[in-house]
């Protein structure tokens, strides 16, 4: 599995495809928007491997942003740098919300039939 983002309609097999593509040799981060999907992904991974392997990590979007984009830098930075990091994270959040609203609008208007549910990439 190379770096990729998966967008597809509900029930199209995104989760099944991701689980089937997992292996024990590649570091993998799976980022999802919902807690329910985090739980489902972890359960399926455990079912496949008998445990949650050390090389596979499942995050919620905001858990990922906090853990990898914000927290690692808070201890070492000056207040000016912390403000800049916070602004960047807020911009990422705003872009995410803008994209979600744009897709929701398209879905409601019937112009598009996709939903953003899952983002997968390798660490």
C-alpha atoms as a PDB file:
ATOM      1  CA  UNK A   1       0.000   0.000   0.000  1.00  0.00           C
ATOM      2  CA  UNK A   2       1.498   3.331  -1.000  1.00  0.00           C
ATOM      3  CA  UNK A   3       0.440   6.778   0.218  1.00  0.00           C
ATOM      4  CA  UNK A   4      -3.185   7.403  -0.654  1.00  0.00           C
ATOM      5  CA  UNK A   5      -6.416   9.091   0.276  1.00  0.00           C
ATOM      6  CA  UNK A   6      -9.570   7.043  -0.154  1.00  0.00           C
ATOM      7  CA  UNK A   7     -12.864   8.763  -1.018  1.00  0.00           C
ATOM      8  CA  UNK A   8     -15.937   6.694  -1.836  1.00  0.00           C
ATOM      9  CA  UNK A   9     -19.626   6.319  -1.080  1.00  0.00           C
ATOM     10  CA  UNK A  10     -20.761   4.586   2.097  1.00  0.00           C
ATOM     11  CA  UNK A  11     -20.813   0.800   1.742  1.00  0.00           C
ATOM     12  CA  UNK A  12     -18.384   0.737  -1.182  1.00  0.00           C
ATOM     13  CA  UNK A  13     -15.781  -1.342   0.667  1.00  0.00           C
ATOM     14  CA  UNK A  14     -13.278   1.302   1.815  1.00  0.00           C
ATOM     15  CA  UNK A  15     -12.711  -0.300   5.208  1.00  0.00           C
ATOM     16  CA  UNK A  16     -12.518  -3.822   3.737  1.00  0.00           C
ATOM     17  CA  UNK A  17      -9.977  -2.638   1.139  1.00  0.00           C
ATOM     18  CA  UNK A  18      -7.831  -0.973   3.799  1.00  0.00           C
ATOM     19  CA  UNK A  19      -7.896  -4.005   6.122  1.00  0.00           C
ATOM     20  CA  UNK A  20      -7.021  -6.364   3.253  1.00  0.00           C
ATOM     21  CA  UNK A  21      -4.084  -4.095   2.291  1.00  0.00           C
ATOM     22  CA  UNK A  22      -2.497  -4.053   5.760  1.00  0.00           C
ATOM     23  CA  UNK A  23       0.691  -5.960   6.515  1.00  0.00           C
ATOM     24  CA  UNK A  24       3.100  -6.268   9.426  1.00  0.00           C
ATOM     25  CA  UNK A  25       6.101  -4.808   7.571  1.00  0.00           C
ATOM     26  CA  UNK A  26       4.866  -1.292   6.755  1.00  0.00           C
ATOM     27  CA  UNK A  27       4.267   1.588   9.163  1.00  0.00           C
ATOM     28  CA  UNK A  28       0.681   2.688   8.634  1.00  0.00           C
ATOM     29  CA  UNK A  29      -1.447   5.503  10.024  1.00  0.00           C
ATOM     30  CA  UNK A  30      -5.185   5.396   9.433  1.00  0.00           C
ATOM     31  CA  UNK A  31      -6.989   8.665  10.118  1.00  0.00           C
ATOM     32  CA  UNK A  32     -10.770   8.749  10.228  1.00  0.00           C
ATOM     33  CA  UNK A  33     -13.393  11.360  11.049  1.00  0.00           C
ATOM     34  CA  UNK A  34     -15.608   9.324  13.401  1.00  0.00           C
ATOM     35  CA  UNK A  35     -15.041   7.510  16.684  1.00  0.00           C
ATOM     36  CA  UNK A  36     -17.362   4.744  15.482  1.00  0.00           C
ATOM     37  CA  UNK A  37     -15.127   4.127  12.479  1.00  0.00           C
ATOM     38  CA  UNK A  38     -12.011   4.183  14.697  1.00  0.00           C
ATOM     39  CA  UNK A  39     -13.522   1.402  16.810  1.00  0.00           C
ATOM     40  CA  UNK A  40     -14.624  -0.571  13.718  1.00  0.00           C
ATOM     41  CA  UNK A  41     -11.166  -0.288  12.134  1.00  0.00           C
ATOM     42  CA  UNK A  42      -9.395  -1.375  15.326  1.00  0.00           C
ATOM     43  CA  UNK A  43     -11.767  -4.339  15.722  1.00  0.00           C
ATOM     44  CA  UNK A  44     -11.172  -5.488  12.139  1.00  0.00           C
ATOM     45  CA  UNK A  45      -7.406  -5.100  12.492  1.00  0.00           C
ATOM     46  CA  UNK A  46      -7.469  -7.168  15.692  1.00  0.00           C
ATOM     47  CA  UNK A  47      -9.615  -9.770  13.936  1.00  0.00           C
ATOM     48  CA  UNK A  48      -7.086  -9.993  11.085  1.00  0.00           C
ATOM     49  CA  UNK A  49      -3.875 -10.092  13.163  1.00  0.00           C
ATOM     50  CA  UNK A  50      -5.137 -11.250  16.576  1.00  0.00           C
ATOM     51  CA  UNK A  51      -3.896  -7.967  18.079  1.00  0.00           C
ATOM     52  CA  UNK A  52      -3.325  -4.332  17.141  1.00  0.00           C
ATOM     53  CA  UNK A  53       0.196  -4.486  15.635  1.00  0.00           C
ATOM     54  CA  UNK A  54       2.795  -1.888  16.674  1.00  0.00           C
ATOM     55  CA  UNK A  55       3.200  -0.698  13.070  1.00  0.00           C
ATOM     56  CA  UNK A  56      -0.501   0.167  12.565  1.00  0.00           C
ATOM     57  CA  UNK A  57      -2.024   3.236  14.211  1.00  0.00           C
ATOM     58  CA  UNK A  58      -5.676   4.358  14.039  1.00  0.00           C
ATOM     59  CA  UNK A  59      -6.446   8.006  14.862  1.00  0.00           C
ATOM     60  CA  UNK A  60      -9.365  10.385  14.833  1.00  0.00           C
ATOM     61  CA  UNK A  61      -8.607  13.519  12.801  1.00  0.00           C
ATOM     62  CA  UNK A  62      -8.290  15.860  15.770  1.00  0.00           C
ATOM     63  CA  UNK A  63      -6.415  13.264  17.839  1.00  0.00           C
ATOM     64  CA  UNK A  64      -3.886  13.049  14.985  1.00  0.00           C
ATOM     65  CA  UNK A  65      -3.561  16.840  14.654  1.00  0.00           C
ATOM     66  CA  UNK A  66      -3.048  17.237  18.398  1.00  0.00           C
ATOM     67  CA  UNK A  67      -0.620  14.310  18.759  1.00  0.00           C
ATOM     68  CA  UNK A  68       1.576  14.982  15.722  1.00  0.00           C
ATOM     69  CA  UNK A  69       1.165  18.644  14.846  1.00  0.00           C
ATOM     70  CA  UNK A  70       0.663  20.437  18.151  1.00  0.00           C
ATOM     71  CA  UNK A  71       1.837  18.533  21.246  1.00  0.00           C
ATOM     72  CA  UNK A  72       5.386  17.693  20.033  1.00  0.00           C
ATOM     73  CA  UNK A  73       6.193  21.388  19.672  1.00  0.00           C
ATOM     74  CA  UNK A  74       4.489  22.913  22.705  1.00  0.00           C
ATOM     75  CA  UNK A  75       7.239  22.046  25.199  1.00  0.00           C
ATOM     76  CA  UNK A  76      10.116  23.468  23.176  1.00  0.00           C
ATOM     77  CA  UNK A  77       8.716  26.626  21.636  1.00  0.00           C
ATOM     78  CA  UNK A  78       8.536  30.272  22.627  1.00  0.00           C
ATOM     79  CA  UNK A  79       5.154  31.944  22.982  1.00  0.00           C
ATOM     80  CA  UNK A  80       5.477  33.537  19.504  1.00  0.00           C
ATOM     81  CA  UNK A  81       6.171  30.143  17.956  1.00  0.00           C
ATOM     82  CA  UNK A  82       3.242  28.604  19.853  1.00  0.00           C
ATOM     83  CA  UNK A  83       0.934  31.289  18.519  1.00  0.00           C
ATOM     84  CA  UNK A  84       2.156  30.600  14.967  1.00  0.00           C
ATOM     85  CA  UNK A  85       1.671  26.823  15.403  1.00  0.00           C
ATOM     86  CA  UNK A  86      -1.816  27.398  16.795  1.00  0.00           C
ATOM     87  CA  UNK A  87      -2.694  29.645  13.833  1.00  0.00           C
ATOM     88  CA  UNK A  88      -1.462  26.993  11.387  1.00  0.00           C
ATOM     89  CA  UNK A  89      -3.535  24.304  13.119  1.00  0.00           C
ATOM     90  CA  UNK A  90      -6.581  26.556  13.056  1.00  0.00           C
ATOM     91  CA  UNK A  91      -6.036  27.081   9.332  1.00  0.00           C
ATOM     92  CA  UNK A  92      -5.879  23.309   8.818  1.00  0.00           C
ATOM     93  CA  UNK A  93      -9.089  22.954  10.822  1.00  0.00           C
ATOM     94  CA  UNK A  94     -10.792  25.707   8.801  1.00  0.00           C
ATOM     95  CA  UNK A  95      -9.781  24.082   5.504  1.00  0.00           C
ATOM     96  CA  UNK A  96     -11.073  20.718   6.752  1.00  0.00           C
ATOM     97  CA  UNK A  97     -14.394  22.271   7.756  1.00  0.00           C
ATOM     98  CA  UNK A  98     -14.616  24.161   4.436  1.00  0.00           C
ATOM     99  CA  UNK A  99     -14.058  20.946   2.462  1.00  0.00           C
ATOM    100  CA  UNK A 100     -16.616  19.070   4.579  1.00  0.00           C
ATOM    101  CA  UNK A 101     -19.205  21.840   4.073  1.00  0.00           C
ATOM    102  CA  UNK A 102     -18.490  21.945   0.328  1.00  0.00           C
ATOM    103  CA  UNK A 103     -19.033  18.183  -0.007  1.00  0.00           C
ATOM    104  CA  UNK A 104     -22.106  18.286   2.209  1.00  0.00           C
ATOM    105  CA  UNK A 105     -23.573  21.053   0.033  1.00  0.00           C
ATOM    106  CA  UNK A 106     -22.884  19.008  -3.104  1.00  0.00           C
ATOM    107  CA  UNK A 107     -24.409  15.913  -1.527  1.00  0.00           C
ATOM    108  CA  UNK A 108     -27.534  17.797  -0.473  1.00  0.00           C
ATOM    109  CA  UNK A 109     -27.902  19.322  -3.933  1.00  0.00           C
ATOM    110  CA  UNK A 110     -27.436  15.916  -5.539  1.00  0.00           C
ATOM    111  CA  UNK A 111     -24.433  17.087  -7.581  1.00  0.00           C
ATOM    112  CA  UNK A 112     -22.034  14.545  -6.224  1.00  0.00           C
ATOM    113  CA  UNK A 113     -22.374  11.107  -4.688  1.00  0.00           C
ATOM    114  CA  UNK A 114     -19.219  10.772  -2.626  1.00  0.00           C
ATOM    115  CA  UNK A 115     -18.539  11.224   1.043  1.00  0.00           C
ATOM    116  CA  UNK A 116     -15.231  11.791   2.760  1.00  0.00           C
ATOM    117  CA  UNK A 117     -15.012   9.128   5.434  1.00  0.00           C
ATOM    118  CA  UNK A 118     -11.503   7.842   5.569  1.00  0.00           C
ATOM    119  CA  UNK A 119      -7.986   9.106   5.002  1.00  0.00           C
ATOM    120  CA  UNK A 120      -5.149   6.603   4.917  1.00  0.00           C
ATOM    121  CA  UNK A 121      -1.472   7.192   4.485  1.00  0.00           C
ATOM    122  CA  UNK A 122       1.833   5.689   5.461  1.00  0.00           C
ATOM    123  CA  UNK A 123       3.930   7.306   8.151  1.00  0.00           C
END
